[in-house]
Protein backbone atom coordinates (compact mmCIF):
# COMPACT_ATOMS: atom_id res chain seq x y z
CA MET A 1 2.67 -20.33 -15.32
CA THR A 2 3.75 -17.58 -17.74
CA ALA A 3 6.91 -15.47 -17.00
CA SER A 4 4.85 -12.48 -16.15
CA GLY A 5 2.65 -14.72 -14.04
CA GLY A 6 5.81 -15.76 -12.01
CA GLN A 7 6.95 -12.13 -11.63
CA ASP A 8 3.50 -11.05 -10.52
CA ALA A 9 3.50 -13.86 -7.75
CA ILE A 10 6.99 -12.66 -6.78
CA ALA A 11 5.83 -9.05 -6.57
CA ARG A 12 2.70 -10.11 -4.55
CA ALA A 13 4.71 -12.09 -2.11
CA HIS A 14 7.22 -9.30 -1.61
CA ALA A 15 4.19 -6.78 -0.94
CA LEU A 16 2.52 -9.16 1.50
CA GLY A 17 6.09 -9.43 3.29
CA VAL A 18 6.25 -5.65 3.23
CA LEU A 19 2.75 -5.41 4.90
CA ALA A 20 3.55 -7.94 7.55
CA ALA A 21 6.68 -6.32 8.52
CA ALA A 22 5.21 -2.83 8.64
CA ALA A 23 4.33 -1.33 11.97
CA VAL A 24 1.17 0.86 12.74
CA GLY A 25 2.30 4.46 11.84
CA ASP A 26 4.46 3.53 9.01
CA ARG A 27 3.76 5.33 5.78
CA LEU A 28 3.18 2.98 2.68
CA VAL A 29 1.75 2.74 -0.80
CA VAL A 30 -0.33 -0.22 -1.53
CA ARG A 31 -1.78 -1.16 -5.01
CA ALA A 32 -4.61 -3.63 -5.01
CA HIS A 33 -7.07 -4.85 -7.57
CA HIS A 34 -10.11 -2.74 -7.97
CA GLY A 35 -12.85 -3.66 -10.38
CA SER A 36 -11.25 -4.31 -13.73
CA GLY A 37 -8.16 -2.12 -12.71
CA ALA A 38 -6.08 -1.14 -9.76
CA ARG A 39 -6.00 1.61 -7.11
CA ASP A 40 -3.31 2.83 -4.95
CA ALA A 41 -3.69 3.72 -1.31
CA LEU A 42 -0.86 6.16 -0.15
CA GLY A 43 -0.89 6.97 3.53
CA VAL A 44 -0.33 5.71 7.19
CA LEU A 45 -1.02 2.13 8.11
CA VAL A 46 -3.55 2.56 10.92
CA ALA A 47 -4.87 -1.15 11.35
CA ARG A 48 -3.98 -4.60 10.31
CA THR A 49 -6.12 -7.77 10.58
CA ASP A 50 -5.62 -11.25 9.15
CA ASP A 51 -7.47 -10.43 5.91
CA ALA A 52 -6.97 -6.48 5.46
CA VAL A 53 -4.95 -3.44 6.11
CA THR A 54 -6.35 0.07 6.74
CA ILE A 55 -4.37 3.05 5.09
CA ASP A 56 -5.19 6.52 6.32
CA THR A 57 -4.83 8.55 3.11
CA ARG A 58 -5.54 12.20 2.50
CA ARG A 59 -9.06 11.36 1.52
CA GLY A 60 -9.63 9.26 4.64
CA PRO A 61 -9.06 5.68 5.58
CA VAL A 62 -9.13 2.94 2.90
CA ASP A 63 -9.46 -0.86 3.78
CA VAL A 64 -7.47 -3.02 1.45
CA ALA A 65 -8.12 -6.73 1.39
CA LEU A 66 -4.92 -8.66 1.45
CA ALA A 67 -6.30 -10.93 -1.29
CA ASP A 68 -6.41 -7.94 -3.69
CA VAL A 69 -2.84 -6.74 -2.98
CA VAL A 70 -0.67 -6.33 -5.92
CA ALA A 71 2.30 -4.40 -4.71
CA ALA A 72 3.31 -2.55 -1.59
CA LYS A 73 6.32 -0.48 -0.45
CA PRO A 74 7.30 1.91 2.27
CA VAL A 75 7.57 5.43 1.35
CA PRO A 76 9.19 8.47 2.96
CA PRO A 77 7.33 11.27 4.96
CA PRO A 78 5.61 13.93 2.59
CA PRO A 79 7.78 16.96 1.90
CA VAL A 80 7.53 19.82 4.32
CA PRO A 81 5.55 22.65 2.73
CA ARG A 82 7.48 25.65 1.53
CA ARG A 83 6.87 28.99 2.92
CA PRO A 84 5.44 31.40 0.53
CA ALA A 85 7.76 33.76 -1.32
CA ARG A 86 7.65 37.53 -0.12
């Protein structure tokens, strides 16, 4: 195993631990393999099964297979919108 392969395995294990510990309603960002690249899902965890999580993003729900997860972490709530200047 290469050094980066070991780091990738550690990051993936950490990500799966974050997802296992997260509660429905927690805000997360999850990066997963998608085609030849990766995609991020930023939003609220709305469902979890043994094989996948569903993240409710601004564009709608995104199902992410746990087998494809590369990284995950909790994120703070979005900032409160500012009032327009008068």
